[in-house]
N, C-alpha and C. Protein backbone atom coordinates (compact mmCIF):
# COMPACT_ATOMS: atom_id res chain seq x y z
N UNK A 1 59.54 38.51 25.13
CA UNK A 1 60.01 39.82 24.47
C UNK A 1 60.72 40.75 25.07
N UNK A 2 59.57 40.71 26.39
CA UNK A 2 60.31 41.63 27.78
C UNK A 2 61.79 41.71 28.26
N UNK A 3 61.92 40.60 28.33
CA UNK A 3 63.36 39.99 28.40
C UNK A 3 64.24 40.59 27.29
N UNK A 4 64.11 40.16 26.34
CA UNK A 4 65.14 40.73 25.29
C UNK A 4 64.83 42.48 24.95
N UNK A 5 63.43 43.29 25.19
CA UNK A 5 63.87 44.84 25.33
C UNK A 5 64.36 45.26 26.57
N UNK A 6 64.54 44.18 27.60
CA UNK A 6 65.13 44.87 29.26
C UNK A 6 66.36 44.78 28.87
N UNK A 7 66.96 43.58 27.59
CA UNK A 7 68.38 43.00 28.20
C UNK A 7 69.16 44.42 27.32
N UNK A 8 68.37 45.13 25.77
CA UNK A 8 68.59 45.67 24.97
C UNK A 8 68.86 47.24 25.92
N UNK A 9 68.26 47.42 26.26
CA UNK A 9 68.18 48.38 26.98
C UNK A 9 69.34 48.97 28.18
N UNK A 10 69.45 47.82 28.97
CA UNK A 10 70.37 47.66 29.76
C UNK A 10 71.94 47.98 29.44
N UNK A 11 71.70 47.77 27.55
CA UNK A 11 73.21 47.45 26.85
C UNK A 11 73.30 48.86 26.35
N UNK A 12 71.91 50.17 26.05
CA UNK A 12 72.27 51.12 25.84
C UNK A 12 71.81 52.10 26.43
N UNK A 13 71.85 51.74 27.97
CA UNK A 13 72.05 52.81 28.92
C UNK A 13 73.37 53.58 29.55
N UNK A 14 74.48 52.05 29.52
CA UNK A 14 75.96 52.74 29.87
C UNK A 14 76.20 53.41 28.62
N UNK A 15 75.84 52.78 27.11
CA UNK A 15 76.49 53.85 26.33
C UNK A 15 75.92 55.45 25.67
N UNK A 16 75.13 55.71 26.28
CA UNK A 16 74.38 56.52 26.17
C UNK A 16 74.95 57.86 27.55
N UNK A 17 74.96 56.81 28.53
CA UNK A 17 75.72 57.36 29.88
C UNK A 17 77.14 58.06 29.29
N UNK A 18 77.80 56.79 28.36
CA UNK A 18 78.91 58.13 28.51
C UNK A 18 79.50 58.48 26.98
N UNK A 19 78.43 58.64 26.37
CA UNK A 19 78.12 59.54 25.33
C UNK A 19 78.37 61.02 26.38
N UNK A 20 77.17 61.18 26.91
CA UNK A 20 76.56 62.38 27.36
C UNK A 20 77.68 62.49 28.57
N UNK A 21 78.60 61.46 29.67
CA UNK A 21 80.21 62.06 29.88
C UNK A 21 80.87 62.57 29.22
N UNK A 22 81.03 61.69 28.10
CA UNK A 22 82.32 62.46 27.07
C UNK A 22 82.08 64.26 26.32
N UNK A 23 80.98 64.66 26.60
CA UNK A 23 80.65 65.76 25.50
C UNK A 23 80.29 66.72 26.73
N UNK A 24 79.44 66.14 28.05
CA UNK A 24 78.83 67.55 28.77
C UNK A 24 79.89 67.21 30.50
N UNK A 25 79.64 68.13 31.27
CA UNK A 25 79.72 68.72 32.42
C UNK A 25 79.13 66.89 33.60
N UNK A 26 79.76 67.26 34.44
CA UNK A 26 79.18 65.96 35.47
C UNK A 26 77.34 65.87 35.48
N UNK A 27 76.79 67.75 35.57
CA UNK A 27 75.21 67.92 35.59
C UNK A 27 74.80 67.30 34.59
N UNK A 28 75.34 67.32 33.26
CA UNK A 28 74.94 66.77 32.20
C UNK A 28 74.53 65.31 31.78
N UNK A 29 75.76 64.76 32.43
CA UNK A 29 75.60 63.32 32.41
C UNK A 29 74.55 62.57 33.76
N UNK A 30 73.95 63.55 35.02
CA UNK A 30 73.52 62.94 35.87
C UNK A 30 72.47 63.42 35.73
N UNK A 31 71.90 64.68 34.53
CA UNK A 31 70.71 64.73 34.34
C UNK A 31 70.27 63.59 33.73
N UNK A 32 71.03 63.30 32.37
CA UNK A 32 70.84 62.43 31.48
C UNK A 32 70.81 60.66 32.17
N UNK A 33 70.91 60.67 32.72
CA UNK A 33 70.76 58.99 33.47
C UNK A 33 69.49 59.00 34.46
N UNK A 34 69.67 60.05 34.88
CA UNK A 34 68.66 59.79 35.81
C UNK A 34 67.38 60.10 34.89
N UNK A 35 67.14 60.27 33.88
CA UNK A 35 65.83 59.87 32.80
C UNK A 35 65.16 58.70 32.44
N UNK A 36 63.88 58.29 32.58
CA UNK A 36 63.66 56.98 32.42
C UNK A 36 64.48 56.41 31.19
N UNK A 37 64.52 55.23 30.94
CA UNK A 37 65.15 54.25 30.36
C UNK A 37 64.12 54.42 28.80
N UNK A 38 63.13 54.42 28.90
CA UNK A 38 62.58 54.45 28.12
C UNK A 38 62.75 55.83 26.83
N UNK A 39 62.68 56.38 27.32
CA UNK A 39 62.97 57.79 26.55
C UNK A 39 64.29 57.70 26.16
N UNK A 40 65.27 57.59 26.85
CA UNK A 40 66.62 56.87 26.22
C UNK A 40 66.62 56.48 24.73
N UNK A 41 65.75 55.24 24.96
CA UNK A 41 65.40 54.55 23.15
C UNK A 41 64.60 55.39 22.36
N UNK A 42 63.57 56.03 22.92
CA UNK A 42 62.71 56.91 21.68
C UNK A 42 63.98 57.54 20.96
N UNK A 43 64.90 58.87 21.90
CA UNK A 43 65.22 59.64 21.53
C UNK A 43 66.58 59.39 21.41
N UNK A 44 67.68 58.95 20.74
CA UNK A 44 68.56 58.72 21.04
C UNK A 44 69.63 59.75 20.89
N UNK A 45 69.08 60.26 20.05
CA UNK A 45 70.00 61.85 19.70
C UNK A 45 69.88 63.11 20.27
N UNK A 46 69.04 62.98 21.51
CA UNK A 46 68.57 63.36 22.38
C UNK A 46 70.24 64.16 23.59
N UNK A 47 70.74 63.62 23.77
CA UNK A 47 71.68 63.81 24.69
C UNK A 47 73.10 64.27 24.36
N UNK A 48 73.34 63.62 22.42
CA UNK A 48 74.69 64.32 21.87
C UNK A 48 73.47 66.28 21.31
N UNK A 49 72.27 66.29 21.04
CA UNK A 49 72.24 67.81 20.74
C UNK A 49 72.15 68.64 22.24
N UNK A 50 71.77 68.09 23.10
CA UNK A 50 72.05 68.33 24.62
C UNK A 50 73.55 69.04 25.41
N UNK A 51 74.43 68.01 24.40
CA UNK A 51 75.40 68.40 25.00
C UNK A 51 76.14 69.38 23.86
N UNK A 52 75.93 69.60 23.16
CA UNK A 52 76.26 70.92 22.41
C UNK A 52 75.53 72.06 22.50
N UNK A 53 74.61 71.52 22.53
CA UNK A 53 73.73 73.00 23.18
C UNK A 53 74.09 73.62 24.42
N UNK A 54 74.62 72.60 25.86
CA UNK A 54 75.68 73.04 27.05
C UNK A 54 76.89 73.50 26.28
N UNK A 55 78.01 72.87 25.54
CA UNK A 55 78.73 73.68 24.76
C UNK A 55 78.88 74.98 24.70
N UNK A 56 77.71 75.22 23.96
CA UNK A 56 77.92 76.15 22.84
C UNK A 56 77.34 76.94 24.08
N UNK A 57 76.78 77.12 25.06
CA UNK A 57 76.29 77.80 25.83
C UNK A 57 77.80 78.23 26.58
N UNK A 58 78.50 77.45 27.52
CA UNK A 58 79.68 77.59 27.95
C UNK A 58 80.74 78.09 26.92
N UNK A 59 80.88 77.89 25.82
CA UNK A 59 81.51 79.09 25.19
C UNK A 59 80.92 80.72 25.12
N UNK A 60 80.10 80.69 24.90
CA UNK A 60 79.62 81.94 25.10
C UNK A 60 79.37 82.58 26.38
N UNK A 61 79.20 81.53 27.34
CA UNK A 61 79.54 82.32 28.88
C UNK A 61 80.59 83.02 29.08
N UNK A 62 81.86 81.85 28.41
CA UNK A 62 83.43 82.32 28.52
C UNK A 62 83.67 83.14 27.84
N UNK A 63 83.01 83.93 26.64
CA UNK A 63 83.58 85.24 26.12
C UNK A 63 83.28 86.29 26.79
N UNK A 64 81.85 85.99 27.49
CA UNK A 64 81.14 87.17 28.30
C UNK A 64 82.08 87.67 29.01
N UNK A 65 82.45 86.82 30.14
CA UNK A 65 82.74 86.72 31.17
C UNK A 65 84.55 86.90 31.26
N UNK A 66 84.95 86.67 29.98
CA UNK A 66 86.30 87.08 29.90
C UNK A 66 86.87 88.57 30.13
N UNK A 67 87.48 88.36 31.95
CA UNK A 67 87.93 89.98 32.25
C UNK A 67 89.14 90.65 31.21
N UNK A 68 89.52 91.94 31.65
CA UNK A 68 90.47 92.42 30.96
C UNK A 68 91.47 92.04 31.68
N UNK A 69 92.40 92.17 30.18
CA UNK A 69 93.66 91.73 30.34
C UNK A 69 94.64 91.92 31.91
N UNK A 70 94.87 91.17 32.82
CA UNK A 70 95.35 92.32 33.88
C UNK A 70 97.33 92.36 33.23
N UNK A 71 97.29 93.62 33.74
CA UNK A 71 98.68 94.35 33.37
C UNK A 71 100.08 93.90 33.45
N UNK A 72 100.73 93.52 32.58
CA UNK A 72 102.28 92.57 33.11
C UNK A 72 102.94 93.29 34.04
N UNK A 73 103.94 92.75 34.32
CA UNK A 73 104.59 94.03 35.29
C UNK A 73 105.90 94.10 34.74
N UNK A 74 106.06 95.32 33.99
CA UNK A 74 107.18 95.64 33.34
C UNK A 74 108.60 96.09 34.35
N UNK A 75 109.59 95.72 33.62
CA UNK A 75 110.99 95.91 34.23
C UNK A 75 111.53 97.26 33.36
N UNK A 76 111.77 98.53 34.07
CA UNK A 76 112.41 99.38 33.17
C UNK A 76 113.53 99.80 33.53
N UNK A 77 114.45 100.09 32.17
CA UNK A 77 115.69 100.50 32.01
C UNK A 77 115.84 101.64 32.97
N UNK A 78 117.11 102.22 33.76
CA UNK A 78 117.45 103.46 33.94
C UNK A 78 117.06 104.47 33.37
N UNK A 79 116.83 104.74 32.54
CA UNK A 79 116.60 105.89 31.30
C UNK A 79 114.86 106.04 31.56
N UNK A 80 114.18 104.81 31.45
CA UNK A 80 112.92 104.64 31.65
C UNK A 80 112.78 105.71 32.89
N UNK A 81 112.80 104.57 33.75
CA UNK A 81 112.83 104.84 35.87
C UNK A 81 112.79 106.66 35.58
N UNK A 82 114.33 107.21 35.18
CA UNK A 82 114.12 108.81 35.03
C UNK A 82 113.01 109.43 34.35
N UNK A 83 112.10 108.87 33.20
CA UNK A 83 111.08 109.73 32.81
C UNK A 83 110.27 109.41 33.61
N UNK A 84 109.90 107.99 34.37
CA UNK A 84 109.07 107.73 34.86
C UNK A 84 108.41 109.20 36.12
N UNK A 85 110.03 109.38 36.82
CA UNK A 85 109.92 110.01 37.53
C UNK A 85 109.25 111.74 37.56
N UNK A 86 109.42 111.93 36.45
CA UNK A 86 108.63 113.47 35.91
C UNK A 86 107.44 113.47 35.46
N UNK A 87 106.85 112.30 35.48
CA UNK A 87 105.38 111.97 35.02
C UNK A 87 104.53 112.72 36.00
N UNK A 88 103.91 113.73 35.56
CA UNK A 88 102.25 114.44 36.48
C UNK A 88 101.46 113.28 36.50
N UNK A 89 101.14 112.97 37.81
CA UNK A 89 99.85 112.05 38.10
C UNK A 89 98.63 113.16 38.82
N UNK A 90 97.80 112.64 38.76
CA UNK A 90 96.94 112.78 39.05
C UNK A 90 95.38 112.97 38.40
N UNK A 91 94.35 114.18 38.71
CA UNK A 91 93.42 114.23 37.71
C UNK A 91 94.37 115.72 37.13
N UNK A 92 94.09 115.39 35.68
CA UNK A 92 94.39 116.15 34.52
C UNK A 92 93.43 116.76 33.50
N UNK A 93 92.65 118.29 34.00
CA UNK A 93 91.95 118.85 33.42
C UNK A 93 92.54 119.36 32.03
N UNK A 94 91.65 119.26 30.66
CA UNK A 94 91.82 119.02 29.20
C UNK A 94 91.11 120.10 28.56
N UNK A 95 91.41 120.48 27.27
CA UNK A 95 90.29 121.23 26.48
C UNK A 95 88.72 120.57 25.76
N UNK A 96 87.94 121.29 26.34
CA UNK A 96 86.99 120.78 25.91
C UNK A 96 86.17 120.10 27.12
N UNK A 97 86.43 120.55 28.18
CA UNK A 97 85.96 119.95 29.44
C UNK A 97 85.88 118.01 29.30
N UNK A 98 86.98 117.85 28.66
CA UNK A 98 87.29 117.03 28.98
C UNK A 98 88.61 116.65 30.54
N UNK A 99 88.59 115.36 30.79
CA UNK A 99 89.49 115.21 31.42
C UNK A 99 90.69 113.64 31.62
N UNK A 100 91.55 113.75 32.00
CA UNK A 100 92.72 112.71 32.13
C UNK A 100 93.01 112.19 34.02
N UNK A 101 92.90 111.04 34.19
CA UNK A 101 93.36 110.73 35.17
C UNK A 101 94.52 109.34 35.41
N UNK A 102 95.58 109.92 35.79
CA UNK A 102 96.90 109.23 35.88
C UNK A 102 97.42 108.57 37.15
N UNK A 103 97.51 107.37 37.71
CA UNK A 103 97.63 107.34 38.26
C UNK A 103 98.72 105.59 38.17
N UNK A 104 100.13 105.98 38.88
CA UNK A 104 100.99 104.92 39.27
C UNK A 104 100.25 103.52 39.27
N UNK A 105 100.98 102.56 38.26
CA UNK A 105 100.72 101.34 39.18
C UNK A 105 101.21 100.71 40.05
N UNK A 106 100.81 100.31 41.35
CA UNK A 106 101.90 99.91 42.77
C UNK A 106 102.45 98.29 42.33
N UNK A 107 102.26 98.03 41.17
CA UNK A 107 102.38 96.87 41.10
C UNK A 107 103.30 96.66 40.20
N UNK A 108 103.17 97.37 39.23
CA UNK A 108 104.67 97.75 38.71
C UNK A 108 105.19 98.94 38.17
N UNK A 109 106.03 99.55 39.47
CA UNK A 109 106.33 100.77 39.69
C UNK A 109 106.97 101.21 38.37
N UNK A 110 106.57 102.56 37.78
CA UNK A 110 107.40 103.26 36.77
C UNK A 110 106.27 103.33 35.93
N UNK A 111 105.19 102.27 35.75
CA UNK A 111 104.31 102.09 35.08
C UNK A 111 102.70 102.96 35.37
N UNK A 112 102.03 103.65 34.23
CA UNK A 112 101.33 104.05 34.78
C UNK A 112 99.29 103.81 33.86
N UNK A 113 98.82 104.11 34.89
CA UNK A 113 97.03 103.61 34.54
C UNK A 113 96.40 105.05 34.40
N UNK A 114 96.25 105.83 32.48
CA UNK A 114 96.03 106.26 32.10
C UNK A 114 94.25 106.00 31.82
N UNK A 115 93.98 106.75 32.39
CA UNK A 115 92.67 106.76 31.99
C UNK A 115 91.16 108.11 32.27
N UNK A 116 90.20 107.84 31.34
CA UNK A 116 89.15 108.89 31.28
C UNK A 116 87.85 108.24 30.86
N UNK A 117 86.96 109.08 30.19
CA UNK A 117 85.75 108.94 30.01
C UNK A 117 85.90 107.40 28.51
N UNK A 118 85.53 106.31 28.74
CA UNK A 118 85.50 105.54 27.95
C UNK A 118 86.85 105.39 27.26
N UNK A 119 87.76 105.28 27.55
CA UNK A 119 89.21 104.18 27.94
C UNK A 119 89.87 103.92 29.41
N UNK A 120 91.14 103.23 29.26
CA UNK A 120 91.71 103.06 30.43
C UNK A 120 92.95 101.61 29.40
N UNK A 121 94.65 102.62 29.59
CA UNK A 121 95.42 102.45 29.30
C UNK A 121 96.31 101.80 30.19
N UNK A 122 96.95 100.83 30.39
CA UNK A 122 98.54 100.59 30.86
C UNK A 122 99.84 101.26 30.23
N UNK A 123 100.16 101.97 30.77
CA UNK A 123 101.35 103.07 30.11
C UNK A 123 102.40 102.85 30.41
N UNK A 124 104.28 103.09 29.54
CA UNK A 124 104.82 102.49 30.19
C UNK A 124 105.85 103.61 29.68
N UNK A 125 106.93 104.74 30.16
CA UNK A 125 107.52 105.12 29.72
C UNK A 125 108.53 104.83 28.65
N UNK A 126 108.77 105.82 27.47
CA UNK A 126 109.23 105.48 26.75
C UNK A 126 110.79 106.46 25.89
N UNK A 127 111.94 105.69 26.29
CA UNK A 127 112.81 107.30 25.68
C UNK A 127 112.85 107.89 24.67
N UNK A 128 112.75 108.95 24.42
CA UNK A 128 112.31 109.51 23.18
C UNK A 128 113.18 110.56 22.97
N UNK A 129 113.58 111.17 21.48
CA UNK A 129 114.88 111.39 20.93
C UNK A 129 114.50 113.46 21.96
N UNK A 130 112.86 113.30 22.10
CA UNK A 130 113.41 115.62 22.55
C UNK A 130 113.07 114.44 23.91
N UNK A 131 113.05 116.48 24.65
CA UNK A 131 113.36 115.74 26.51
C UNK A 131 111.11 115.59 26.85
N UNK A 132 110.83 115.68 25.78
CA UNK A 132 109.17 115.29 26.54
C UNK A 132 109.14 113.74 26.71
N UNK A 133 108.20 114.09 27.72
CA UNK A 133 108.24 112.09 28.32
C UNK A 133 106.94 111.97 27.65
N UNK A 134 107.38 110.98 27.11
CA UNK A 134 106.32 109.60 26.80
C UNK A 134 105.60 109.04 27.24
N UNK A 135 104.61 108.32 26.59
CA UNK A 135 103.77 106.97 27.88
C UNK A 135 103.30 106.23 26.34
N UNK A 136 103.88 105.19 26.17
CA UNK A 136 102.99 104.23 25.70
C UNK A 136 102.62 102.72 26.42
N UNK A 137 100.99 102.57 25.29
CA UNK A 137 100.44 101.45 25.55
C UNK A 137 100.71 101.04 24.08
N UNK A 138 101.43 99.87 23.86
CA UNK A 138 101.91 99.32 22.96
C UNK A 138 100.58 98.35 22.35
N UNK A 139 99.82 97.71 23.28
CA UNK A 139 98.80 96.88 22.67
C UNK A 139 97.28 97.95 21.79
N UNK A 140 97.10 98.88 22.32
CA UNK A 140 96.39 99.94 22.01
C UNK A 140 96.86 100.98 20.84
N UNK A 141 98.59 100.92 20.96
CA UNK A 141 98.32 102.09 19.82
C UNK A 141 98.30 103.68 21.02
N UNK A 142 97.71 103.84 22.00
CA UNK A 142 97.80 105.02 22.78
C UNK A 142 98.86 105.49 23.42
N UNK A 143 99.32 106.84 23.43
CA UNK A 143 100.53 107.80 23.20
C UNK A 143 99.98 108.98 24.17
N UNK A 144 101.05 109.32 25.48
CA UNK A 144 100.36 110.39 26.43
C UNK A 144 101.80 111.58 26.10
N UNK A 145 101.61 112.40 25.79
CA UNK A 145 102.90 112.80 25.34
C UNK A 145 103.26 114.24 26.04
N UNK A 146 103.61 114.58 27.21
CA UNK A 146 103.96 115.81 28.17
C UNK A 146 105.39 116.33 27.94
N UNK A 147 104.44 117.89 27.97
CA UNK A 147 106.07 118.69 27.41
C UNK A 147 105.97 119.81 29.05
N UNK A 148 106.42 120.63 28.93
CA UNK A 148 106.46 121.68 30.37
C UNK A 148 105.18 122.62 30.71
N UNK A 149 104.57 122.39 29.35
CA UNK A 149 103.27 124.04 29.35
C UNK A 149 102.14 122.62 29.03
N UNK A 150 102.31 121.63 28.78
CA UNK A 150 101.06 120.95 28.47
C UNK A 150 101.44 119.56 28.07
N UNK A 151 99.95 119.19 28.01
CA UNK A 151 100.17 117.16 27.39
C UNK A 151 98.61 116.87 26.60
N UNK A 152 99.57 116.08 25.81
CA UNK A 152 98.29 115.56 24.89
C UNK A 152 97.97 113.69 25.32
N UNK A 153 96.84 113.45 24.39
CA UNK A 153 96.85 112.03 24.39
C UNK A 153 96.31 111.73 23.05
N UNK A 154 97.26 110.62 22.58
CA UNK A 154 97.01 110.00 21.25
C UNK A 154 96.31 108.82 21.22
N UNK A 155 96.01 108.49 19.79
CA UNK A 155 95.91 107.06 19.55
C UNK A 155 96.44 106.72 17.94
N UNK A 156 98.06 106.29 18.29
CA UNK A 156 98.36 105.91 16.86
C UNK A 156 97.68 105.39 15.22
N UNK A 157 97.22 103.99 16.37
CA UNK A 157 96.30 103.43 15.51
C UNK A 157 95.35 103.86 15.23
N UNK A 158 94.68 104.97 15.16
CA UNK A 158 93.35 105.24 15.20
C UNK A 158 93.55 106.74 14.65
N UNK A 159 95.00 107.05 14.51
CA UNK A 159 94.95 108.23 14.21
C UNK A 159 94.56 109.53 14.13
N UNK A 160 94.16 109.52 15.67
CA UNK A 160 93.27 110.71 16.39
C UNK A 160 93.92 111.01 18.21
N UNK A 161 93.46 112.44 17.79
CA UNK A 161 93.42 113.27 19.67
C UNK A 161 93.22 112.77 20.23
N UNK A 162 92.74 112.50 21.15
CA UNK A 162 91.79 111.73 22.41
C UNK A 162 91.45 112.51 23.23
N UNK A 163 92.34 113.52 23.71
CA UNK A 163 92.44 114.83 24.96
C UNK A 163 93.68 115.62 24.50
N UNK A 164 93.45 117.13 23.97
CA UNK A 164 94.45 118.17 24.25
C UNK A 164 94.48 118.97 24.76
N UNK A 165 95.99 119.40 24.86
CA UNK A 165 95.78 121.12 25.75
C UNK A 165 95.40 120.59 26.99
N UNK A 166 95.82 119.38 27.46
CA UNK A 166 95.90 119.09 29.20
C UNK A 166 96.66 119.56 30.22
N UNK A 167 96.57 119.96 31.35
CA UNK A 167 97.76 120.69 32.04
C UNK A 167 97.57 120.93 33.65
N UNK A 168 98.12 119.95 33.81
CA UNK A 168 98.61 119.84 35.56
C UNK A 168 99.33 121.12 35.99
N UNK A 169 99.05 120.94 37.51
CA UNK A 169 98.96 121.49 37.77
C UNK A 169 100.16 122.79 37.99
N UNK A 170 101.01 121.92 38.07
CA UNK A 170 102.88 122.48 37.88
C UNK A 170 103.14 123.06 36.40
N UNK A 171 101.69 122.21 35.20
CA UNK A 171 101.70 122.60 33.42
C UNK A 171 101.57 124.24 33.83
N UNK A 172 100.16 123.88 33.98
CA UNK A 172 99.22 125.33 34.48
C UNK A 172 100.28 126.49 34.76
N UNK A 173 101.30 126.28 35.67
CA UNK A 173 102.04 127.70 36.61
C UNK A 173 103.10 128.05 35.54
N UNK A 174 103.56 127.15 34.47
CA UNK A 174 104.79 126.77 33.74
C UNK A 174 104.32 128.04 31.98
N UNK A 175 103.16 127.59 31.85
CA UNK A 175 102.32 128.06 31.53
C UNK A 175 101.89 129.58 31.40
N UNK A 176 101.90 130.04 33.35
CA UNK A 176 101.28 131.35 33.54
C UNK A 176 103.01 132.36 33.23
N UNK A 177 103.95 131.42 34.10
CA UNK A 177 105.07 131.90 33.28
C UNK A 177 105.48 133.06 32.33
N UNK A 178 105.17 132.01 31.28
CA UNK A 178 105.70 131.61 29.50
C UNK A 178 104.75 133.10 29.72
N UNK A 179 103.58 133.06 29.98
CA UNK A 179 102.98 134.45 29.88
C UNK A 179 103.65 135.91 29.91
N UNK A 180 103.84 135.69 31.34
CA UNK A 180 104.30 136.47 32.21
C UNK A 180 105.21 137.13 31.24
N UNK A 181 106.39 136.53 31.17
CA UNK A 181 107.78 136.63 30.49
C UNK A 181 108.03 135.77 29.24
N UNK A 182 107.25 136.46 28.32
CA UNK A 182 107.37 135.54 26.82
C UNK A 182 109.34 135.17 26.70
N UNK A 183 109.13 134.37 26.01
CA UNK A 183 110.32 133.90 24.91
C UNK A 183 111.15 135.02 24.13
N UNK A 184 112.52 135.76 24.18
CA UNK A 184 112.32 136.86 22.86
C UNK A 184 112.45 135.53 21.35
N UNK A 185 112.14 136.33 20.85
CA UNK A 185 112.38 135.79 19.41
C UNK A 185 113.40 135.56 18.55
N UNK A 186 113.62 134.89 17.85
CA UNK A 186 115.08 134.65 17.30
C UNK A 186 114.93 135.87 16.15
N UNK A 187 114.10 136.34 15.62
CA UNK A 187 114.13 137.66 14.89
C UNK A 187 113.95 138.82 15.31
N UNK A 188 113.74 139.05 16.66
CA UNK A 188 114.07 140.18 17.64
C UNK A 188 115.81 140.86 17.25
N UNK A 189 115.76 142.38 16.90
CA UNK A 189 117.09 142.89 17.36
C UNK A 189 117.60 142.93 18.41
N UNK A 190 119.12 142.24 18.23
CA UNK A 190 119.89 142.54 19.74
C UNK A 190 120.31 143.50 19.98
N UNK A 191 120.03 144.41 20.94
CA UNK A 191 120.71 145.66 21.18
C UNK A 191 122.22 145.85 21.36
N UNK A 192 122.47 147.11 20.25
CA UNK A 192 124.27 147.13 19.97
C UNK A 192 124.79 146.76 20.53
N UNK A 193 125.11 146.55 21.99
CA UNK A 193 126.28 146.67 22.43
C UNK A 193 126.53 145.42 22.83
N UNK A 194 125.92 144.22 22.69
CA UNK A 194 125.51 142.79 22.92
C UNK A 194 126.82 142.22 21.42
N UNK A 195 126.69 142.33 20.83
CA UNK A 195 127.61 141.89 19.14
C UNK A 195 128.74 142.32 19.31
């Protein structure tokens, strides 16, 4: 009886080791083969369940540890390069105590990281019909619009403004100049001698 039991155990051990190796890492296989043979016979399903548990844990760890997507290197057209040269970078103060930080991406010249409280976007210049500077992050739907005296950050997908009335130092100077010498209205009457 003992030789028969021993022969059956010797046949089962390689099969169980093979099953453990096919579904788990080498660590799971070595732990399965280091257990006494009697346990393998009484708990045939145990290595399979262990393999499923290890796979589930590995998938959860991969999902948690997946890093933020690395921005791609963007090749800009000459028009987009010209727009990127007009972007104001640095710490830009906005209304309601918010602020936006704009930093050039050294790995992809002409693109920018636009970040603030709770967001960070990788933006590229976009040619627009107006003279406004426009940066976009197509994945998130974020858009940075910069005109002479102010800028704003919007999220087109959410349909909301994230930061408004943002002014760099240069834009603050333009705003002061506009207040000092306001533009003449189209409805103002012209002097009689200029007609």
